[in-house]
N, C-alpha and C. Protein backbone atom coordinates (compact mmCIF):
# COMPACT_ATOMS: atom_id res chain seq x y z
N MET A 1 6.48 27.80 1.32
CA MET A 1 5.12 26.97 2.23
C MET A 1 5.95 25.51 2.57
N GLN A 2 5.96 25.72 4.35
CA GLN A 2 6.90 24.01 4.96
C GLN A 2 5.77 23.87 5.43
N TYR A 3 6.05 22.62 5.37
CA TYR A 3 4.58 22.09 6.24
C TYR A 3 5.57 20.62 7.30
N VAL A 4 5.21 20.91 8.75
CA VAL A 4 5.73 19.84 9.79
C VAL A 4 4.63 19.08 10.18
N VAL A 5 4.60 17.82 10.54
CA VAL A 5 3.85 16.76 11.18
C VAL A 5 4.28 16.67 12.47
N PRO A 6 3.60 17.43 13.79
CA PRO A 6 4.13 17.68 15.06
C PRO A 6 4.26 16.14 16.14
N THR A 7 5.14 16.09 16.64
CA THR A 7 5.25 14.71 17.16
C THR A 7 4.75 14.56 18.22
N ASP A 8 3.71 15.71 18.67
CA ASP A 8 2.31 15.59 19.51
C ASP A 8 0.98 14.84 18.48
N SER A 9 0.03 14.52 19.76
CA SER A 9 -0.91 13.91 18.30
C SER A 9 -2.15 15.04 17.62
N SER A 10 -1.61 15.76 17.52
CA SER A 10 -2.05 17.17 16.73
C SER A 10 -1.96 16.77 15.35
N GLY A 11 -0.84 16.47 14.81
CA GLY A 11 -0.94 16.09 13.50
C GLY A 11 -1.16 17.31 12.24
N LEU A 12 -1.16 16.95 11.10
CA LEU A 12 -0.93 17.89 10.36
C LEU A 12 -2.10 17.92 9.57
N GLU A 13 -2.68 18.83 8.29
CA GLU A 13 -4.02 18.77 8.14
C GLU A 13 -3.73 19.28 7.07
N LEU A 14 -4.54 18.72 5.96
CA LEU A 14 -4.23 19.30 4.10
C LEU A 14 -5.57 19.65 3.90
N LYS A 15 -5.39 20.29 2.87
CA LYS A 15 -7.12 20.30 2.37
C LYS A 15 -6.34 20.62 0.66
N VAL A 16 -6.77 20.05 -0.03
CA VAL A 16 -6.93 20.39 -1.60
C VAL A 16 -7.83 21.05 -2.05
N THR A 17 -7.73 22.34 -2.71
CA THR A 17 -8.56 23.28 -3.44
C THR A 17 -8.74 23.88 -4.92
N HIS A 18 -7.73 23.57 -5.01
CA HIS A 18 -7.04 23.97 -6.42
C HIS A 18 -7.17 22.67 -7.62
N LEU A 19 -6.95 23.19 -8.39
CA LEU A 19 -6.55 22.29 -9.75
C LEU A 19 -5.19 22.15 -10.09
N PHE A 20 -4.31 21.38 -10.35
CA PHE A 20 -3.43 20.87 -10.15
C PHE A 20 -2.41 22.11 -10.55
N ASN A 21 -2.53 23.28 -11.74
CA ASN A 21 -2.05 24.31 -11.99
C ASN A 21 -2.08 25.10 -11.20
N GLY A 22 -2.98 25.28 -10.41
CA GLY A 22 -3.34 26.37 -9.22
C GLY A 22 -4.86 26.94 -9.28
N ASP A 23 -5.04 26.65 -10.71
CA ASP A 23 -6.48 27.63 -10.73
C ASP A 23 -7.56 27.08 -9.37
N PRO A 24 -8.05 28.12 -9.25
CA PRO A 24 -9.59 27.67 -8.40
C PRO A 24 -10.41 26.49 -8.97
N CYS A 25 -10.76 25.46 -8.05
CA CYS A 25 -11.82 24.85 -8.77
C CYS A 25 -13.39 25.39 -8.73
N PRO A 26 -13.68 25.18 -10.09
CA PRO A 26 -15.18 25.57 -10.44
C PRO A 26 -16.14 25.68 -9.61
N ASP A 27 -16.19 24.91 -8.38
CA ASP A 27 -17.33 25.02 -7.23
C ASP A 27 -17.02 25.33 -5.99
N ASN A 28 -15.43 25.80 -5.71
CA ASN A 28 -15.01 26.27 -4.64
C ASN A 28 -15.21 24.92 -3.64
N ARG A 29 -15.56 23.81 -3.69
CA ARG A 29 -15.60 22.90 -2.80
C ARG A 29 -14.12 22.75 -2.25
N ILE A 30 -13.87 21.68 -0.91
CA ILE A 30 -12.75 21.20 -0.66
C ILE A 30 -12.82 19.71 -1.22
N TRP A 31 -12.00 19.00 -1.82
CA TRP A 31 -12.12 18.12 -3.06
C TRP A 31 -11.32 16.72 -2.18
N ALA A 32 -10.19 17.49 -1.25
CA ALA A 32 -9.33 16.55 -0.65
C ALA A 32 -9.08 16.86 0.72
N GLU A 33 -9.09 16.27 1.51
CA GLU A 33 -8.91 16.73 2.92
C GLU A 33 -7.90 15.68 3.72
N LEU A 34 -6.34 15.88 4.11
CA LEU A 34 -5.74 14.66 4.67
C LEU A 34 -5.36 15.15 6.08
N SER A 35 -5.45 14.19 7.05
CA SER A 35 -4.78 13.87 8.38
C SER A 35 -3.50 13.17 8.27
N LEU A 36 -2.41 13.62 8.37
CA LEU A 36 -1.20 12.85 8.77
C LEU A 36 -0.62 13.18 10.35
N SER A 37 -0.35 11.66 11.10
CA SER A 37 -0.37 11.89 12.27
C SER A 37 1.14 11.00 12.44
N ARG A 38 1.66 11.18 13.48
CA ARG A 38 3.07 10.58 13.72
C ARG A 38 2.52 9.20 15.04
N LEU A 39 2.35 7.96 14.68
CA LEU A 39 2.14 7.21 15.51
C LEU A 39 3.28 6.26 15.73
N ARG A 40 3.46 5.35 17.19
CA ARG A 40 3.84 4.27 17.20
C ARG A 40 4.32 3.72 16.11
N ASP A 41 3.68 2.93 15.60
CA ASP A 41 3.89 2.11 14.38
C ASP A 41 4.35 2.72 13.11
N GLY A 42 3.85 3.68 13.02
CA GLY A 42 4.01 4.41 11.77
C GLY A 42 3.53 5.78 11.04
N LEU A 43 3.47 6.28 9.89
CA LEU A 43 2.54 7.42 9.68
C LEU A 43 0.95 7.14 9.42
N GLY A 44 0.46 7.48 10.24
CA GLY A 44 -0.97 7.67 9.64
C GLY A 44 -1.57 8.71 9.37
N VAL A 45 -2.19 7.89 8.32
CA VAL A 45 -3.02 9.36 6.77
C VAL A 45 -4.44 8.75 7.19
N LEU A 46 -5.01 10.06 6.97
CA LEU A 46 -6.75 9.59 7.30
C LEU A 46 -7.26 10.45 6.03
N VAL A 47 -7.72 10.12 5.09
CA VAL A 47 -8.46 10.96 3.92
C VAL A 47 -9.51 11.20 4.07
N ARG A 48 -10.00 12.19 3.32
CA ARG A 48 -11.70 12.69 3.35
C ARG A 48 -11.68 12.77 2.07
N GLY A 49 -13.01 12.62 1.49
CA GLY A 49 -13.30 13.23 -0.22
C GLY A 49 -14.47 13.20 0.04
N PRO A 50 -14.98 13.80 -1.42
CA PRO A 50 -16.57 13.87 -1.60
C PRO A 50 -17.05 12.14 -2.02
N MET A 51 -18.54 12.44 -1.95
CA MET A 51 -18.73 11.09 -2.63
C MET A 51 -19.89 12.05 -4.09
N ILE A 52 -19.48 11.33 -4.93
CA ILE A 52 -20.00 12.71 -5.93
C ILE A 52 -20.98 11.69 -7.11
N HIS A 53 -21.57 12.26 -7.90
CA HIS A 53 -22.36 11.70 -8.86
C HIS A 53 -21.34 10.62 -9.97
N GLU A 54 -22.01 9.09 -10.18
CA GLU A 54 -20.77 8.54 -11.16
C GLU A 54 -19.41 8.37 -10.48
N GLN A 55 -19.25 8.29 -9.17
CA GLN A 55 -17.77 7.71 -8.67
C GLN A 55 -17.37 6.92 -9.34
N ARG A 56 -16.35 6.95 -9.62
CA ARG A 56 -15.35 5.77 -10.53
C ARG A 56 -14.62 4.97 -9.32
N ILE A 57 -14.98 4.24 -9.37
CA ILE A 57 -14.45 3.03 -8.40
C ILE A 57 -13.93 2.02 -9.08
N PRO A 58 -12.80 0.69 -8.66
CA PRO A 58 -12.77 -0.07 -9.38
C PRO A 58 -13.29 -1.23 -8.65
N GLU A 59 -13.42 -2.64 -8.97
CA GLU A 59 -14.10 -3.49 -8.89
C GLU A 59 -13.19 -4.25 -7.62
N GLY A 60 -13.51 -4.95 -6.58
CA GLY A 60 -12.51 -5.46 -6.07
C GLY A 60 -13.01 -5.17 -4.29
N ALA A 61 -12.65 -6.02 -3.23
CA ALA A 61 -13.15 -5.92 -1.93
C ALA A 61 -12.57 -4.63 -1.65
N ILE A 62 -13.33 -4.40 -0.55
CA ILE A 62 -12.85 -3.07 0.22
C ILE A 62 -11.34 -3.18 0.95
N GLY A 63 -10.22 -2.33 1.01
CA GLY A 63 -9.45 -2.87 1.48
C GLY A 63 -8.17 -3.45 0.56
N SER A 64 -8.89 -3.57 -0.50
CA SER A 64 -7.54 -4.40 -1.49
C SER A 64 -6.83 -3.40 -2.33
N ARG A 65 -5.72 -3.91 -2.64
CA ARG A 65 -4.52 -3.18 -3.49
C ARG A 65 -5.09 -3.27 -4.98
N VAL A 66 -4.97 -1.86 -5.32
CA VAL A 66 -5.13 -2.05 -6.95
C VAL A 66 -3.92 -1.12 -7.73
N ASP A 67 -4.11 -1.80 -8.67
CA ASP A 67 -2.61 -1.48 -9.76
C ASP A 67 -3.35 -0.36 -10.51
N GLY A 68 -3.03 0.62 -10.87
CA GLY A 68 -3.45 1.60 -11.38
C GLY A 68 -4.80 2.62 -10.90
N LEU A 69 -4.83 2.60 -9.24
CA LEU A 69 -5.39 3.38 -8.69
C LEU A 69 -6.18 4.45 -9.51
N TRP A 70 -4.88 5.50 -9.84
CA TRP A 70 -5.18 6.73 -10.14
C TRP A 70 -6.19 6.79 -11.34
N GLU A 71 -6.65 5.93 -11.87
CA GLU A 71 -7.42 5.84 -12.99
C GLU A 71 -8.88 5.97 -12.58
N TYR A 72 -8.99 5.95 -11.19
CA TYR A 72 -10.31 6.13 -10.49
C TYR A 72 -10.22 7.18 -9.90
N ASP A 73 -11.32 7.34 -8.67
CA ASP A 73 -11.53 8.54 -8.11
C ASP A 73 -10.06 8.37 -6.57
N VAL A 74 -9.55 9.16 -6.58
CA VAL A 74 -8.48 8.90 -5.41
C VAL A 74 -7.77 10.07 -4.99
N ILE A 75 -7.59 9.81 -3.61
CA ILE A 75 -6.68 11.09 -3.27
C ILE A 75 -5.05 10.25 -2.85
N GLU A 76 -4.27 10.90 -3.09
CA GLU A 76 -2.64 10.52 -3.45
C GLU A 76 -1.86 11.54 -2.43
N LEU A 77 -0.97 11.09 -2.09
CA LEU A 77 0.13 11.66 -1.03
C LEU A 77 1.46 11.15 -1.56
N PHE A 78 2.33 12.18 -1.74
CA PHE A 78 3.23 12.18 -2.11
C PHE A 78 4.26 12.55 -1.06
N LEU A 79 5.19 11.64 -0.56
CA LEU A 79 6.52 11.99 0.42
C LEU A 79 7.99 11.95 0.18
N VAL A 80 8.80 12.94 0.36
CA VAL A 80 9.89 12.80 -0.92
C VAL A 80 11.14 13.19 0.25
N GLY A 81 11.61 12.22 -0.06
CA GLY A 81 13.21 11.59 0.99
C GLY A 81 14.19 12.72 0.08
N PRO A 82 15.37 12.02 0.43
CA PRO A 82 16.89 12.27 -0.24
C PRO A 82 16.58 12.39 -1.91
N GLY A 83 17.22 13.37 -1.99
CA GLY A 83 17.33 12.85 -3.82
C GLY A 83 16.28 13.47 -4.46
N HIS A 84 15.92 12.04 -5.08
CA HIS A 84 14.52 12.07 -5.61
C HIS A 84 13.63 10.41 -5.06
N GLN A 85 14.19 9.95 -3.95
CA GLN A 85 13.34 8.87 -3.49
C GLN A 85 12.23 9.56 -2.89
N TYR A 86 10.79 8.77 -3.61
CA TYR A 86 9.77 9.44 -2.91
C TYR A 86 8.67 7.89 -2.66
N LEU A 87 7.80 8.50 -1.86
CA LEU A 87 6.53 7.04 -1.61
C LEU A 87 5.61 7.61 -2.11
N GLU A 88 4.60 6.79 -2.69
CA GLU A 88 3.18 7.42 -3.68
C GLU A 88 2.39 6.87 -2.68
N LEU A 89 1.65 6.85 -1.92
CA LEU A 89 0.49 6.70 -1.15
C LEU A 89 -1.00 7.11 -1.91
N GLU A 90 -1.83 6.39 -2.30
CA GLU A 90 -2.86 6.82 -2.82
C GLU A 90 -4.07 5.72 -1.85
N LEU A 91 -5.38 6.89 -1.96
CA LEU A 91 -6.33 5.96 -1.17
C LEU A 91 -7.85 5.99 -2.26
N GLY A 92 -8.63 4.92 -2.77
CA GLY A 92 -9.93 5.51 -3.20
C GLY A 92 -10.69 5.63 -3.07
N ALA A 93 -12.02 6.26 -3.66
CA ALA A 93 -13.36 6.33 -3.31
C ALA A 93 -13.91 5.05 -2.75
N GLY A 94 -13.60 4.34 -2.80
CA GLY A 94 -14.37 2.80 -2.92
C GLY A 94 -13.62 1.62 -1.58
N GLY A 95 -12.39 2.64 -1.18
CA GLY A 95 -11.67 1.72 0.13
C GLY A 95 -10.58 0.91 -0.67
N HIS A 96 -10.08 1.54 -1.58
CA HIS A 96 -8.92 0.70 -2.32
C HIS A 96 -7.48 1.13 -1.80
N TRP A 97 -6.39 1.04 -2.48
CA TRP A 97 -5.18 1.32 -1.89
C TRP A 97 -4.07 1.05 -2.74
N LEU A 98 -3.10 1.92 -3.21
CA LEU A 98 -2.23 1.67 -3.62
C LEU A 98 -0.81 2.07 -3.09
N LEU A 99 0.02 1.57 -2.71
CA LEU A 99 1.34 2.13 -2.43
C LEU A 99 2.57 2.11 -3.27
N LEU A 100 3.55 2.86 -3.63
CA LEU A 100 4.81 2.77 -4.51
C LEU A 100 5.85 3.51 -3.88
N SER A 101 6.83 3.01 -4.29
CA SER A 101 8.26 3.34 -3.71
C SER A 101 9.18 3.81 -4.97
N PHE A 102 9.57 4.89 -5.05
CA PHE A 102 10.27 5.55 -6.19
C PHE A 102 11.84 5.99 -5.98
N ASP A 103 13.12 5.17 -6.27
CA ASP A 103 14.00 5.60 -6.05
C ASP A 103 14.56 6.72 -6.42
N SER A 104 14.06 7.13 -7.73
CA SER A 104 14.11 8.60 -8.86
C SER A 104 12.72 8.83 -9.38
N ILE A 105 12.56 9.86 -10.28
CA ILE A 105 11.24 10.11 -10.67
C ILE A 105 10.79 9.16 -11.89
N ARG A 106 9.55 9.10 -11.22
CA ARG A 106 8.79 7.57 -11.89
C ARG A 106 9.64 6.34 -12.25
N HIS A 107 10.98 6.00 -11.51
CA HIS A 107 11.37 4.84 -11.72
C HIS A 107 10.69 3.95 -10.34
N ARG A 108 9.89 3.24 -10.67
CA ARG A 108 9.91 2.63 -9.40
C ARG A 108 10.48 1.79 -8.82
N ARG A 109 10.63 1.82 -7.44
CA ARG A 109 11.58 0.46 -6.96
C ARG A 109 10.78 -0.66 -6.33
N ASP A 110 9.59 -0.10 -5.83
CA ASP A 110 8.87 -1.12 -5.35
C ASP A 110 7.50 -0.93 -5.28
N ALA A 111 6.62 -2.26 -5.86
CA ALA A 111 5.18 -1.92 -5.59
C ALA A 111 4.31 -2.46 -4.22
N HIS A 112 5.18 -2.43 -3.54
CA HIS A 112 4.81 -3.41 -2.27
C HIS A 112 3.55 -4.15 -2.53
N GLU A 113 3.65 -5.30 -3.15
CA GLU A 113 3.09 -6.39 -3.38
C GLU A 113 2.37 -7.15 -2.04
N ARG A 114 3.51 -7.25 -1.16
CA ARG A 114 3.28 -7.91 0.12
C ARG A 114 2.60 -6.77 1.07
N PHE A 115 2.73 -6.00 1.01
CA PHE A 115 2.27 -5.38 1.94
C PHE A 115 0.93 -5.29 2.46
N GLU A 116 0.10 -5.76 3.24
CA GLU A 116 -1.29 -6.10 3.86
C GLU A 116 -1.78 -5.27 5.03
N PRO A 117 -1.36 -3.84 4.28
CA PRO A 117 -2.28 -2.79 5.68
C PRO A 117 -3.83 -3.41 6.07
N ILE A 118 -4.01 -2.69 6.98
CA ILE A 118 -5.44 -2.25 7.47
C ILE A 118 -5.88 -1.04 6.83
N VAL A 119 -6.81 -1.31 6.17
CA VAL A 119 -7.83 0.01 5.50
C VAL A 119 -8.71 0.39 6.08
N ARG A 120 -9.26 1.13 6.76
CA ARG A 120 -10.48 1.50 7.06
C ARG A 120 -11.31 2.41 6.59
N PHE A 121 -12.21 2.09 5.79
CA PHE A 121 -13.08 3.07 4.71
C PHE A 121 -14.41 2.87 5.43
N GLU A 122 -15.25 4.24 5.36
CA GLU A 122 -16.21 4.35 5.43
C GLU A 122 -17.10 5.57 4.19
N LYS A 123 -18.74 5.58 4.39
CA LYS A 123 -19.23 6.42 4.06
C LYS A 123 -19.89 7.18 4.72
N THR A 124 -19.91 8.40 4.96
CA THR A 124 -20.65 9.22 6.00
C THR A 124 -22.23 9.74 5.54
N ALA A 125 -22.56 10.09 6.81
CA ALA A 125 -24.17 10.91 6.11
C ALA A 125 -24.21 12.13 5.70
N GLN A 126 -22.63 12.32 5.46
CA GLN A 126 -22.24 13.77 4.71
C GLN A 126 -21.94 13.76 3.55
N LYS A 127 -22.20 12.40 2.79
CA LYS A 127 -21.83 12.60 1.49
C LYS A 127 -20.55 12.79 1.33
N GLU A 128 -19.70 12.24 2.32
CA GLU A 128 -18.03 11.92 2.33
C GLU A 128 -18.20 10.74 2.11
N TRP A 129 -16.76 10.14 1.99
CA TRP A 129 -16.01 9.05 2.10
C TRP A 129 -14.72 9.19 2.77
N THR A 130 -14.53 8.36 3.84
CA THR A 130 -13.17 8.59 4.47
C THR A 130 -12.44 7.42 4.44
N SER A 131 -11.29 7.03 4.56
CA SER A 131 -10.35 6.30 4.62
C SER A 131 -8.84 6.31 5.03
N SER A 132 -8.68 5.25 5.95
CA SER A 132 -7.33 5.56 6.60
C SER A 132 -6.05 4.37 6.85
N ILE A 133 -4.79 4.95 7.15
CA ILE A 133 -3.98 3.71 6.74
C ILE A 133 -2.92 4.08 7.65
N VAL A 134 -2.29 3.00 8.25
CA VAL A 134 -1.06 3.64 8.91
C VAL A 134 0.36 2.74 8.14
N ILE A 135 1.05 3.45 7.37
CA ILE A 135 2.25 3.36 7.00
C ILE A 135 3.19 3.37 7.86
N PRO A 136 3.98 1.90 7.62
CA PRO A 136 4.92 1.85 8.96
C PRO A 136 6.33 2.59 8.41
N TRP A 137 6.74 2.49 9.59
CA TRP A 137 8.36 4.08 9.49
C TRP A 137 9.08 3.40 8.70
N ARG A 138 9.06 1.95 8.62
CA ARG A 138 10.54 1.31 7.24
C ARG A 138 9.91 1.80 6.14
N LEU A 139 8.95 1.97 5.78
CA LEU A 139 8.27 2.02 4.88
C LEU A 139 8.54 3.58 3.83
N VAL A 140 8.40 4.39 4.96
CA VAL A 140 8.43 5.86 5.02
C VAL A 140 9.71 6.65 4.51
N PRO A 141 10.05 7.08 3.61
CA PRO A 141 11.49 7.65 3.38
C PRO A 141 12.15 8.00 4.37
N ASP A 142 13.62 7.88 4.67
CA ASP A 142 14.18 8.86 6.00
C ASP A 142 14.35 10.02 5.55
N ASN A 143 13.74 11.17 6.31
CA ASN A 143 14.12 12.42 6.20
C ASN A 143 13.48 12.77 5.29
N VAL A 144 12.02 13.12 5.19
CA VAL A 144 11.23 12.97 4.41
C VAL A 144 11.71 14.86 4.52
N ARG A 145 11.64 15.37 2.89
CA ARG A 145 11.62 16.79 3.26
C ARG A 145 11.30 17.88 2.23
N ALA A 146 9.98 17.06 1.48
CA ALA A 146 9.33 17.79 1.03
C ALA A 146 7.79 16.61 0.52
N LEU A 147 6.33 17.06 -0.01
CA LEU A 147 5.41 16.57 0.31
C LEU A 147 4.29 17.27 -0.49
N ASN A 148 3.16 16.41 -1.33
CA ASN A 148 2.11 16.92 -1.89
C ASN A 148 1.07 15.96 -1.83
N ALA A 149 -0.03 16.98 -2.18
CA ALA A 149 -1.35 15.90 -1.80
C ALA A 149 -2.21 16.56 -3.00
N PHE A 150 -2.82 15.26 -3.49
CA PHE A 150 -3.61 15.23 -4.98
C PHE A 150 -4.78 14.69 -4.52
N ALA A 151 -5.75 15.14 -5.52
CA ALA A 151 -7.30 14.23 -5.65
C ALA A 151 -7.41 14.19 -7.18
N ILE A 152 -8.03 12.84 -8.10
CA ILE A 152 -8.29 12.90 -9.13
C ILE A 152 -9.82 12.49 -8.43
N MET A 153 -10.64 13.27 -9.35
CA MET A 153 -12.22 13.72 -8.80
C MET A 153 -13.24 13.70 -10.09
N GLY A 154 -13.93 13.02 -10.44
CA GLY A 154 -15.07 13.81 -11.64
C GLY A 154 -14.47 14.25 -12.34
N GLY A 155 -13.23 13.19 -12.88
CA GLY A 155 -12.14 13.74 -14.20
C GLY A 155 -11.49 14.97 -13.88
N GLN A 156 -11.57 15.47 -12.74
CA GLN A 156 -10.37 17.13 -12.35
C GLN A 156 -9.65 16.49 -11.50
N PHE A 157 -8.13 16.81 -11.96
CA PHE A 157 -7.09 16.85 -11.33
C PHE A 157 -6.35 17.86 -10.45
N LEU A 158 -6.38 17.64 -9.34
CA LEU A 158 -6.39 18.62 -8.21
C LEU A 158 -5.29 18.51 -7.35
N SER A 159 -4.47 19.67 -6.74
CA SER A 159 -3.29 19.50 -6.19
C SER A 159 -3.12 20.39 -5.15
N LEU A 160 -2.99 20.05 -3.69
CA LEU A 160 -2.58 21.05 -2.68
C LEU A 160 -1.67 22.44 -3.04
N SER A 161 -0.37 21.74 -3.66
CA SER A 161 0.65 22.52 -4.14
C SER A 161 0.52 22.64 -6.06
N PRO A 162 0.08 23.29 -6.43
CA PRO A 162 0.26 23.67 -7.62
C PRO A 162 1.53 23.13 -8.70
N LEU A 163 1.69 22.36 -9.90
CA LEU A 163 2.25 22.48 -10.59
C LEU A 163 2.60 23.00 -11.99
N PRO A 164 3.66 22.85 -12.44
CA PRO A 164 3.39 23.65 -13.55
C PRO A 164 3.08 22.52 -14.88
N GLY A 165 3.06 23.24 -16.34
CA GLY A 165 2.13 22.26 -17.39
C GLY A 165 0.85 22.04 -17.76
N THR A 166 0.61 22.26 -18.73
CA THR A 166 -0.67 22.16 -19.21
C THR A 166 -1.29 20.92 -19.21
N GLU A 167 -0.54 19.72 -18.79
CA GLU A 167 -1.39 18.34 -18.27
C GLU A 167 -1.04 18.15 -16.78
N PRO A 168 -1.76 17.19 -16.32
CA PRO A 168 -1.22 17.14 -14.44
C PRO A 168 -0.15 15.90 -14.74
N ASP A 169 1.06 16.04 -14.66
CA ASP A 169 2.26 15.65 -13.81
C ASP A 169 2.49 15.90 -12.36
N PHE A 170 2.05 14.54 -11.67
CA PHE A 170 2.17 14.57 -10.14
C PHE A 170 3.51 14.33 -10.04
N HIS A 171 4.35 13.60 -10.35
CA HIS A 171 5.79 13.12 -10.59
C HIS A 171 6.76 14.15 -10.59
N GLN A 172 6.76 15.09 -9.59
CA GLN A 172 7.70 16.47 -9.71
C GLN A 172 8.32 16.76 -8.57
N PRO A 173 8.87 16.17 -7.83
CA PRO A 173 9.03 16.00 -6.25
C PRO A 173 10.10 17.55 -5.88
N ASP A 174 10.91 17.96 -7.02
CA ASP A 174 11.21 19.12 -6.59
C ASP A 174 10.48 20.16 -6.82
N LEU A 175 9.06 20.02 -6.85
CA LEU A 175 8.64 21.45 -7.25
C LEU A 175 7.56 21.36 -5.68
N PHE A 176 7.65 20.18 -4.59
CA PHE A 176 6.46 20.10 -3.60
C PHE A 176 7.04 21.03 -2.72
N PRO A 177 5.75 21.35 -1.99
CA PRO A 177 6.39 22.17 -0.90
C PRO A 177 7.40 21.16 0.04
N SER A 178 8.49 22.18 0.89
CA SER A 178 8.73 21.30 2.23
C SER A 178 8.35 21.03 2.81
N ALA A 179 8.66 20.11 3.73
CA ALA A 179 7.82 19.24 5.20
C ALA A 179 9.18 18.64 5.71
N SER A 180 8.65 18.16 6.52
CA SER A 180 9.76 17.21 7.83
C SER A 180 8.24 16.10 8.64
N LEU A 181 8.75 15.23 8.90
CA LEU A 181 8.16 14.47 9.82
C LEU A 181 8.95 14.35 11.00
């Protein structure tokens, strides 16, 4: 599978509909939708997820950075550059965010604690939430070669492209689908 973000305004649409191991979700719903677009200032990322009963949302203001956001309901995007360099973006169901850069598998290079993005968040009448952010090009890995998207919702671990293992492990960049920005 190959994903390419066009240079025009059409962007790339991704839908997360399977459990992390590739099994179909029990209720056949779309758990996460991601739209990626090339903007002058950076990579535009818009995510959409369902509002679910007892949504797991951290405390803190909308638009705030939350360490450990993966412990809550969240949509994640991984962008892999040369070797094992990758960027992990998390946008949470309460309007929170987390951005992490890795220089090798699970070896965090930068937690981007000084990054102050504008995060737009809203709950829609269709019982969904949306969140958007622009990641400056200086933070996006050069020569992106692969990507994957994930959702952690309602205690389920979901993936755009399946990963092996009996437990979810999203840090397997060599197994992600090919991509280019």
